[in-house]
């Protein structure tokens, strides 16, 4: 497993993952990434995205389709790692 860094978990990477999902929380993240963020995110941006991902998973996650959410859960974990190590 390659550990994430702010360079690898940049705006373009996040957009690529999140745009697959049609949830309102993901739409909020996309709008935020596309209008507010520069290529490399700061701690506040990662925190906002983390909270929206947490909200999305809380509202929509289901054991019956848990594999559908694998990328969002992985992204949430990667952001937690970045926040704990880099900021």
PDB file of N, CA and C in Angstrom:
ATOM      1  N   UNK A   1       0.846  -1.187   0.000  1.00  0.00           N
ATOM      2  CA  UNK A   1       0.000   0.000   0.000  1.00  0.00           C
ATOM      3  C   UNK A   1       0.886   1.244   0.000  1.00  0.00           C
ATOM      4  N   UNK A   2       0.607   2.146  -0.894  1.00  0.00           N
ATOM      5  CA  UNK A   2       1.328   3.411  -0.968  1.00  0.00           C
ATOM      6  C   UNK A   2       0.616   4.407  -0.052  1.00  0.00           C
ATOM      7  N   UNK A   3       1.392   5.016   0.843  1.00  0.00           N
ATOM      8  CA  UNK A   3       0.799   5.977   1.764  1.00  0.00           C
ATOM      9  C   UNK A   3       0.510   7.285   1.023  1.00  0.00           C
ATOM     10  N   UNK A   4      -0.656   7.856   1.289  1.00  0.00           N
ATOM     11  CA  UNK A   4      -1.020   9.100   0.603  1.00  0.00           C
ATOM     12  C   UNK A   4      -0.237  10.292   1.131  1.00  0.00           C
ATOM     13  N   UNK A   5      -0.126  11.291   0.301  1.00  0.00           N
ATOM     14  CA  UNK A   5       0.473  12.564   0.692  1.00  0.00           C
ATOM     15  C   UNK A   5      -0.376  13.676   0.084  1.00  0.00           C
ATOM     16  N   UNK A   6      -0.183  14.901   0.533  1.00  0.00           N
ATOM     17  CA  UNK A   6      -0.938  16.005  -0.084  1.00  0.00           C
ATOM     18  C   UNK A   6      -0.667  16.129  -1.591  1.00  0.00           C
ATOM     19  N   UNK A   7       0.502  15.703  -2.026  1.00  0.00           N
ATOM     20  CA  UNK A   7       0.796  15.752  -3.468  1.00  0.00           C
ATOM     21  C   UNK A   7      -0.021  14.741  -4.260  1.00  0.00           C
ATOM     22  N   UNK A   8      -0.246  13.562  -3.679  1.00  0.00           N
ATOM     23  CA  UNK A   8      -1.010  12.541  -4.399  1.00  0.00           C
ATOM     24  C   UNK A   8      -2.512  12.701  -4.206  1.00  0.00           C
ATOM     25  N   UNK A   9      -2.922  13.229  -3.063  1.00  0.00           N
ATOM     26  CA  UNK A   9      -4.344  13.439  -2.792  1.00  0.00           C
ATOM     27  C   UNK A   9      -4.692  14.889  -3.103  1.00  0.00           C
ATOM     28  N   UNK A  10      -4.441  15.277  -4.341  1.00  0.00           N
ATOM     29  CA  UNK A  10      -4.671  16.656  -4.762  1.00  0.00           C
ATOM     30  C   UNK A  10      -6.075  16.821  -5.341  1.00  0.00           C
ATOM     31  N   UNK A  11      -6.379  18.022  -5.767  1.00  0.00           N
ATOM     32  CA  UNK A  11      -7.721  18.346  -6.256  1.00  0.00           C
ATOM     33  C   UNK A  11      -8.159  17.434  -7.403  1.00  0.00           C
ATOM     34  N   UNK A  12      -7.302  17.227  -8.402  1.00  0.00           N
ATOM     35  CA  UNK A  12      -7.683  16.419  -9.556  1.00  0.00           C
ATOM     36  C   UNK A  12      -7.987  14.971  -9.167  1.00  0.00           C
ATOM     37  N   UNK A  13      -7.170  14.417  -8.282  1.00  0.00           N
ATOM     38  CA  UNK A  13      -7.394  13.042  -7.819  1.00  0.00           C
ATOM     39  C   UNK A  13      -8.729  12.934  -7.093  1.00  0.00           C
ATOM     40  N   UNK A  14      -8.991  13.882  -6.210  1.00  0.00           N
ATOM     41  CA  UNK A  14     -10.243  13.853  -5.449  1.00  0.00           C
ATOM     42  C   UNK A  14     -11.452  13.983  -6.367  1.00  0.00           C
ATOM     43  N   UNK A  15     -11.369  14.885  -7.335  1.00  0.00           N
ATOM     44  CA  UNK A  15     -12.474  15.047  -8.281  1.00  0.00           C
ATOM     45  C   UNK A  15     -12.723  13.748  -9.043  1.00  0.00           C
ATOM     46  N   UNK A  16     -11.662  13.116  -9.480  1.00  0.00           N
ATOM     47  CA  UNK A  16     -11.787  11.860 -10.234  1.00  0.00           C
ATOM     48  C   UNK A  16     -12.533  10.792  -9.444  1.00  0.00           C
ATOM     49  N   UNK A  17     -12.258  10.695  -8.159  1.00  0.00           N
ATOM     50  CA  UNK A  17     -12.924   9.692  -7.318  1.00  0.00           C
ATOM     51  C   UNK A  17     -14.359  10.100  -7.006  1.00  0.00           C
ATOM     52  N   UNK A  18     -14.546  11.314  -6.564  1.00  0.00           N
ATOM     53  CA  UNK A  18     -15.841  11.748  -6.028  1.00  0.00           C
ATOM     54  C   UNK A  18     -16.890  11.952  -7.113  1.00  0.00           C
ATOM     55  N   UNK A  19     -16.482  12.319  -8.329  1.00  0.00           N
ATOM     56  CA  UNK A  19     -17.477  12.590  -9.366  1.00  0.00           C
ATOM     57  C   UNK A  19     -18.257  11.341  -9.782  1.00  0.00           C
ATOM     58  N   UNK A  20     -17.771  10.171  -9.406  1.00  0.00           N
ATOM     59  CA  UNK A  20     -18.468   8.913  -9.708  1.00  0.00           C
ATOM     60  C   UNK A  20     -19.779   8.797  -8.927  1.00  0.00           C
ATOM     61  N   UNK A  21     -19.826   9.433  -7.762  1.00  0.00           N
ATOM     62  CA  UNK A  21     -20.965   9.286  -6.851  1.00  0.00           C
ATOM     63  C   UNK A  21     -21.946  10.443  -7.011  1.00  0.00           C
ATOM     64  N   UNK A  22     -23.227  10.144  -6.982  1.00  0.00           N
ATOM     65  CA  UNK A  22     -24.252  11.150  -7.222  1.00  0.00           C
ATOM     66  C   UNK A  22     -24.918  11.705  -5.980  1.00  0.00           C
ATOM     67  N   UNK A  23     -24.334  11.467  -4.835  1.00  0.00           N
ATOM     68  CA  UNK A  23     -24.941  11.949  -3.595  1.00  0.00           C
ATOM     69  C   UNK A  23     -24.755  13.454  -3.449  1.00  0.00           C
ATOM     70  N   UNK A  24     -25.689  14.095  -2.756  1.00  0.00           N
ATOM     71  CA  UNK A  24     -25.640  15.545  -2.581  1.00  0.00           C
ATOM     72  C   UNK A  24     -24.360  15.974  -1.865  1.00  0.00           C
ATOM     73  N   UNK A  25     -23.915  15.167  -0.905  1.00  0.00           N
ATOM     74  CA  UNK A  25     -22.686  15.500  -0.187  1.00  0.00           C
ATOM     75  C   UNK A  25     -21.486  15.492  -1.137  1.00  0.00           C
ATOM     76  N   UNK A  26     -21.484  14.570  -2.080  1.00  0.00           N
ATOM     77  CA  UNK A  26     -20.412  14.510  -3.074  1.00  0.00           C
ATOM     78  C   UNK A  26     -20.492  15.698  -4.022  1.00  0.00           C
ATOM     79  N   UNK A  27     -21.693  16.116  -4.358  1.00  0.00           N
ATOM     80  CA  UNK A  27     -21.857  17.313  -5.189  1.00  0.00           C
ATOM     81  C   UNK A  27     -21.319  18.547  -4.477  1.00  0.00           C
ATOM     82  N   UNK A  28     -21.528  18.628  -3.179  1.00  0.00           N
ATOM     83  CA  UNK A  28     -20.983  19.749  -2.395  1.00  0.00           C
ATOM     84  C   UNK A  28     -19.457  19.721  -2.408  1.00  0.00           C
ATOM     85  N   UNK A  29     -18.886  18.541  -2.259  1.00  0.00           N
ATOM     86  CA  UNK A  29     -17.429  18.409  -2.298  1.00  0.00           C
ATOM     87  C   UNK A  29     -16.904  18.820  -3.665  1.00  0.00           C
ATOM     88  N   UNK A  30     -17.551  18.355  -4.719  1.00  0.00           N
ATOM     89  CA  UNK A  30     -17.109  18.709  -6.072  1.00  0.00           C
ATOM     90  C   UNK A  30     -17.171  20.215  -6.309  1.00  0.00           C
ATOM     91  N   UNK A  31     -18.267  20.826  -5.894  1.00  0.00           N
ATOM     92  CA  UNK A  31     -18.389  22.289  -6.068  1.00  0.00           C
ATOM     93  C   UNK A  31     -17.289  23.001  -5.291  1.00  0.00           C
ATOM     94  N   UNK A  32     -17.014  22.541  -4.107  1.00  0.00           N
ATOM     95  CA  UNK A  32     -15.950  23.118  -3.284  1.00  0.00           C
ATOM     96  C   UNK A  32     -14.593  22.964  -3.970  1.00  0.00           C
ATOM     97  N   UNK A  33     -14.302  21.769  -4.459  1.00  0.00           N
ATOM     98  CA  UNK A  33     -13.016  21.513  -5.116  1.00  0.00           C
ATOM     99  C   UNK A  33     -12.864  22.347  -6.389  1.00  0.00           C
ATOM    100  N   UNK A  34     -13.941  22.476  -7.136  1.00  0.00           N
ATOM    101  CA  UNK A  34     -13.863  23.151  -8.427  1.00  0.00           C
ATOM    102  C   UNK A  34     -13.881  24.676  -8.327  1.00  0.00           C
ATOM    103  N   UNK A  35     -14.396  25.208  -7.235  1.00  0.00           N
ATOM    104  CA  UNK A  35     -14.523  26.661  -7.149  1.00  0.00           C
ATOM    105  C   UNK A  35     -13.649  27.318  -6.086  1.00  0.00           C
ATOM    106  N   UNK A  36     -13.255  26.569  -5.074  1.00  0.00           N
ATOM    107  CA  UNK A  36     -12.533  27.158  -3.955  1.00  0.00           C
ATOM    108  C   UNK A  36     -11.072  26.716  -3.887  1.00  0.00           C
ATOM    109  N   UNK A  37     -10.817  25.468  -4.171  1.00  0.00           N
ATOM    110  CA  UNK A  37      -9.500  24.879  -3.918  1.00  0.00           C
ATOM    111  C   UNK A  37      -8.514  25.083  -5.062  1.00  0.00           C
ATOM    112  N   UNK A  38      -7.260  25.218  -4.679  1.00  0.00           N
ATOM    113  CA  UNK A  38      -6.179  25.177  -5.664  1.00  0.00           C
ATOM    114  C   UNK A  38      -5.764  23.715  -5.812  1.00  0.00           C
ATOM    115  N   UNK A  39      -4.741  23.465  -6.623  1.00  0.00           N
ATOM    116  CA  UNK A  39      -4.332  22.081  -6.889  1.00  0.00           C
ATOM    117  C   UNK A  39      -4.009  21.321  -5.605  1.00  0.00           C
ATOM    118  N   UNK A  40      -3.227  21.945  -4.731  1.00  0.00           N
ATOM    119  CA  UNK A  40      -2.883  21.316  -3.454  1.00  0.00           C
ATOM    120  C   UNK A  40      -3.729  21.922  -2.347  1.00  0.00           C
ATOM    121  N   UNK A  41      -4.316  21.070  -1.548  1.00  0.00           N
ATOM    122  CA  UNK A  41      -5.263  21.497  -0.535  1.00  0.00           C
ATOM    123  C   UNK A  41      -4.577  21.805   0.784  1.00  0.00           C
ATOM    124  N   UNK A  42      -5.215  22.661   1.576  1.00  0.00           N
ATOM    125  CA  UNK A  42      -4.724  22.943   2.921  1.00  0.00           C
ATOM    126  C   UNK A  42      -5.517  22.110   3.932  1.00  0.00           C
ATOM    127  N   UNK A  43      -5.124  22.215   5.194  1.00  0.00           N
ATOM    128  CA  UNK A  43      -5.757  21.407   6.240  1.00  0.00           C
ATOM    129  C   UNK A  43      -7.259  21.668   6.336  1.00  0.00           C
ATOM    130  N   UNK A  44      -7.664  22.920   6.238  1.00  0.00           N
ATOM    131  CA  UNK A  44      -9.092  23.247   6.336  1.00  0.00           C
ATOM    132  C   UNK A  44      -9.893  22.592   5.208  1.00  0.00           C
ATOM    133  N   UNK A  45      -9.329  22.559   4.018  1.00  0.00           N
ATOM    134  CA  UNK A  45     -10.009  21.925   2.881  1.00  0.00           C
ATOM    135  C   UNK A  45     -10.152  20.427   3.104  1.00  0.00           C
ATOM    136  N   UNK A  46      -9.080  19.793   3.576  1.00  0.00           N
ATOM    137  CA  UNK A  46      -9.167  18.359   3.870  1.00  0.00           C
ATOM    138  C   UNK A  46     -10.190  18.076   4.964  1.00  0.00           C
ATOM    139  N   UNK A  47     -10.253  18.941   5.967  1.00  0.00           N
ATOM    140  CA  UNK A  47     -11.230  18.742   7.041  1.00  0.00           C
ATOM    141  C   UNK A  47     -12.664  18.859   6.521  1.00  0.00           C
ATOM    142  N   UNK A  48     -12.906  19.856   5.676  1.00  0.00           N
ATOM    143  CA  UNK A  48     -14.239  20.022   5.099  1.00  0.00           C
ATOM    144  C   UNK A  48     -14.628  18.783   4.294  1.00  0.00           C
ATOM    145  N   UNK A  49     -13.729  18.330   3.443  1.00  0.00           N
ATOM    146  CA  UNK A  49     -14.006  17.157   2.606  1.00  0.00           C
ATOM    147  C   UNK A  49     -14.210  15.921   3.472  1.00  0.00           C
ATOM    148  N   UNK A  50     -13.388  15.771   4.498  1.00  0.00           N
ATOM    149  CA  UNK A  50     -13.525  14.630   5.402  1.00  0.00           C
ATOM    150  C   UNK A  50     -14.899  14.625   6.068  1.00  0.00           C
ATOM    151  N   UNK A  51     -15.341  15.789   6.542  1.00  0.00           N
ATOM    152  CA  UNK A  51     -16.649  15.865   7.200  1.00  0.00           C
ATOM    153  C   UNK A  51     -17.787  15.565   6.230  1.00  0.00           C
ATOM    154  N   UNK A  52     -17.681  16.032   5.000  1.00  0.00           N
ATOM    155  CA  UNK A  52     -18.717  15.743   3.998  1.00  0.00           C
ATOM    156  C   UNK A  52     -18.729  14.252   3.638  1.00  0.00           C
ATOM    157  N   UNK A  53     -17.554  13.636   3.550  1.00  0.00           N
ATOM    158  CA  UNK A  53     -17.494  12.194   3.288  1.00  0.00           C
ATOM    159  C   UNK A  53     -18.115  11.415   4.447  1.00  0.00           C
ATOM    160  N   UNK A  54     -17.808  11.834   5.645  1.00  0.00           N
ATOM    161  CA  UNK A  54     -18.372  11.198   6.840  1.00  0.00           C
ATOM    162  C   UNK A  54     -19.898  11.299   6.827  1.00  0.00           C
ATOM    163  N   UNK A  55     -20.392  12.483   6.500  1.00  0.00           N
ATOM    164  CA  UNK A  55     -21.838  12.703   6.408  1.00  0.00           C
ATOM    165  C   UNK A  55     -22.460  11.822   5.322  1.00  0.00           C
ATOM    166  N   UNK A  56     -21.805  11.748   4.175  1.00  0.00           N
ATOM    167  CA  UNK A  56     -22.298  10.941   3.060  1.00  0.00           C
ATOM    168  C   UNK A  56     -22.379   9.465   3.445  1.00  0.00           C
ATOM    169  N   UNK A  57     -21.318   8.964   4.031  1.00  0.00           N
ATOM    170  CA  UNK A  57     -21.307   7.552   4.418  1.00  0.00           C
ATOM    171  C   UNK A  57     -22.335   7.267   5.502  1.00  0.00           C
ATOM    172  N   UNK A  58     -22.500   8.193   6.419  1.00  0.00           N
ATOM    173  CA  UNK A  58     -23.515   8.027   7.466  1.00  0.00           C
ATOM    174  C   UNK A  58     -24.924   7.973   6.864  1.00  0.00           C
ATOM    175  N   UNK A  59     -25.169   8.828   5.889  1.00  0.00           N
ATOM    176  CA  UNK A  59     -26.513   8.931   5.306  1.00  0.00           C
ATOM    177  C   UNK A  59     -26.842   7.831   4.308  1.00  0.00           C
ATOM    178  N   UNK A  60     -25.829   7.291   3.623  1.00  0.00           N
ATOM    179  CA  UNK A  60     -26.121   6.426   2.486  1.00  0.00           C
ATOM    180  C   UNK A  60     -25.518   5.026   2.541  1.00  0.00           C
ATOM    181  N   UNK A  61     -24.550   4.799   3.412  1.00  0.00           N
ATOM    182  CA  UNK A  61     -23.877   3.499   3.447  1.00  0.00           C
ATOM    183  C   UNK A  61     -24.837   2.401   3.844  1.00  0.00           C
ATOM    184  N   UNK A  62     -24.717   1.282   3.163  1.00  0.00           N
ATOM    185  CA  UNK A  62     -25.540   0.122   3.460  1.00  0.00           C
ATOM    186  C   UNK A  62     -24.696  -1.139   3.295  1.00  0.00           C
ATOM    187  N   UNK A  63     -24.856  -2.079   4.211  1.00  0.00           N
ATOM    188  CA  UNK A  63     -24.116  -3.339   4.110  1.00  0.00           C
ATOM    189  C   UNK A  63     -24.464  -4.104   2.843  1.00  0.00           C
ATOM    190  N   UNK A  64     -25.665  -3.900   2.339  1.00  0.00           N
ATOM    191  CA  UNK A  64     -26.084  -4.639   1.147  1.00  0.00           C
ATOM    192  C   UNK A  64     -25.353  -4.190  -0.115  1.00  0.00           C
ATOM    193  N   UNK A  65     -24.790  -2.987  -0.091  1.00  0.00           N
ATOM    194  CA  UNK A  65     -24.036  -2.499  -1.253  1.00  0.00           C
ATOM    195  C   UNK A  65     -22.730  -1.847  -0.807  1.00  0.00           C
ATOM    196  N   UNK A  66     -22.089  -2.456   0.193  1.00  0.00           N
ATOM    197  CA  UNK A  66     -20.908  -1.850   0.809  1.00  0.00           C
ATOM    198  C   UNK A  66     -19.748  -1.682  -0.156  1.00  0.00           C
ATOM    199  N   UNK A  67     -19.628  -2.556  -1.151  1.00  0.00           N
ATOM    200  CA  UNK A  67     -18.516  -2.437  -2.101  1.00  0.00           C
ATOM    201  C   UNK A  67     -18.629  -1.185  -2.967  1.00  0.00           C
ATOM    202  N   UNK A  68     -19.830  -0.714  -3.156  1.00  0.00           N
ATOM    203  CA  UNK A  68     -20.050   0.522  -3.909  1.00  0.00           C
ATOM    204  C   UNK A  68     -19.351   1.701  -3.235  1.00  0.00           C
ATOM    205  N   UNK A  69     -19.230   1.638  -1.920  1.00  0.00           N
ATOM    206  CA  UNK A  69     -18.662   2.737  -1.143  1.00  0.00           C
ATOM    207  C   UNK A  69     -17.173   2.562  -0.845  1.00  0.00           C
ATOM    208  N   UNK A  70     -16.553   1.526  -1.376  1.00  0.00           N
ATOM    209  CA  UNK A  70     -15.149   1.245  -1.058  1.00  0.00           C
ATOM    210  C   UNK A  70     -14.229   2.437  -1.312  1.00  0.00           C
ATOM    211  N   UNK A  71     -14.383   3.091  -2.440  1.00  0.00           N
ATOM    212  CA  UNK A  71     -13.498   4.215  -2.777  1.00  0.00           C
ATOM    213  C   UNK A  71     -13.717   5.412  -1.846  1.00  0.00           C
ATOM    214  N   UNK A  72     -14.967   5.652  -1.462  1.00  0.00           N
ATOM    215  CA  UNK A  72     -15.231   6.757  -0.532  1.00  0.00           C
ATOM    216  C   UNK A  72     -14.656   6.454   0.846  1.00  0.00           C
ATOM    217  N   UNK A  73     -14.788   5.217   1.294  1.00  0.00           N
ATOM    218  CA  UNK A  73     -14.231   4.838   2.590  1.00  0.00           C
ATOM    219  C   UNK A  73     -12.703   4.904   2.563  1.00  0.00           C
ATOM    220  N   UNK A  74     -12.110   4.469   1.463  1.00  0.00           N
ATOM    221  CA  UNK A  74     -10.656   4.543   1.321  1.00  0.00           C
ATOM    222  C   UNK A  74     -10.208   6.001   1.335  1.00  0.00           C
ATOM    223  N   UNK A  75     -10.916   6.837   0.624  1.00  0.00           N
ATOM    224  CA  UNK A  75     -10.591   8.261   0.569  1.00  0.00           C
ATOM    225  C   UNK A  75     -10.697   8.899   1.957  1.00  0.00           C
ATOM    226  N   UNK A  76     -11.710   8.551   2.697  1.00  0.00           N
ATOM    227  CA  UNK A  76     -11.874   9.075   4.046  1.00  0.00           C
ATOM    228  C   UNK A  76     -10.677   8.681   4.918  1.00  0.00           C
ATOM    229  N   UNK A  77     -10.246   7.445   4.820  1.00  0.00           N
ATOM    230  CA  UNK A  77      -9.093   6.960   5.583  1.00  0.00           C
ATOM    231  C   UNK A  77      -7.813   7.673   5.157  1.00  0.00           C
ATOM    232  N   UNK A  78      -7.644   7.880   3.860  1.00  0.00           N
ATOM    233  CA  UNK A  78      -6.459   8.573   3.360  1.00  0.00           C
ATOM    234  C   UNK A  78      -6.412  10.018   3.859  1.00  0.00           C
ATOM    235  N   UNK A  79      -7.551  10.680   3.873  1.00  0.00           N
ATOM    236  CA  UNK A  79      -7.600  12.052   4.358  1.00  0.00           C
ATOM    237  C   UNK A  79      -7.307  12.099   5.859  1.00  0.00           C
ATOM    238  N   UNK A  80      -7.830  11.138   6.621  1.00  0.00           N
ATOM    239  CA  UNK A  80      -7.509  11.064   8.046  1.00  0.00           C
ATOM    240  C   UNK A  80      -6.002  10.931   8.253  1.00  0.00           C
ATOM    241  N   UNK A  81      -5.371  10.102   7.447  1.00  0.00           N
ATOM    242  CA  UNK A  81      -3.921   9.926   7.539  1.00  0.00           C
ATOM    243  C   UNK A  81      -3.195  11.241   7.242  1.00  0.00           C
ATOM    244  N   UNK A  82      -3.579  11.901   6.161  1.00  0.00           N
ATOM    245  CA  UNK A  82      -2.936  13.170   5.795  1.00  0.00           C
ATOM    246  C   UNK A  82      -3.091  14.212   6.903  1.00  0.00           C
ATOM    247  N   UNK A  83      -4.283  14.313   7.457  1.00  0.00           N
ATOM    248  CA  UNK A  83      -4.515  15.282   8.533  1.00  0.00           C
ATOM    249  C   UNK A  83      -3.677  14.964   9.768  1.00  0.00           C
ATOM    250  N   UNK A  84      -3.485  13.690  10.052  1.00  0.00           N
ATOM    251  CA  UNK A  84      -2.737  13.322  11.259  1.00  0.00           C
ATOM    252  C   UNK A  84      -1.227  13.455  11.077  1.00  0.00           C
ATOM    253  N   UNK A  85      -0.729  13.333   9.850  1.00  0.00           N
ATOM    254  CA  UNK A  85       0.714  13.332   9.616  1.00  0.00           C
ATOM    255  C   UNK A  85       1.225  14.671   9.117  1.00  0.00           C
ATOM    256  N   UNK A  86       0.506  15.307   8.228  1.00  0.00           N
ATOM    257  CA  UNK A  86       1.016  16.488   7.543  1.00  0.00           C
ATOM    258  C   UNK A  86       0.514  17.811   8.122  1.00  0.00           C
ATOM    259  N   UNK A  87      -0.539  17.791   8.926  1.00  0.00           N
ATOM    260  CA  UNK A  87      -1.082  19.053   9.428  1.00  0.00           C
ATOM    261  C   UNK A  87      -1.228  19.035  10.933  1.00  0.00           C
TER     262      UNK A  87
END
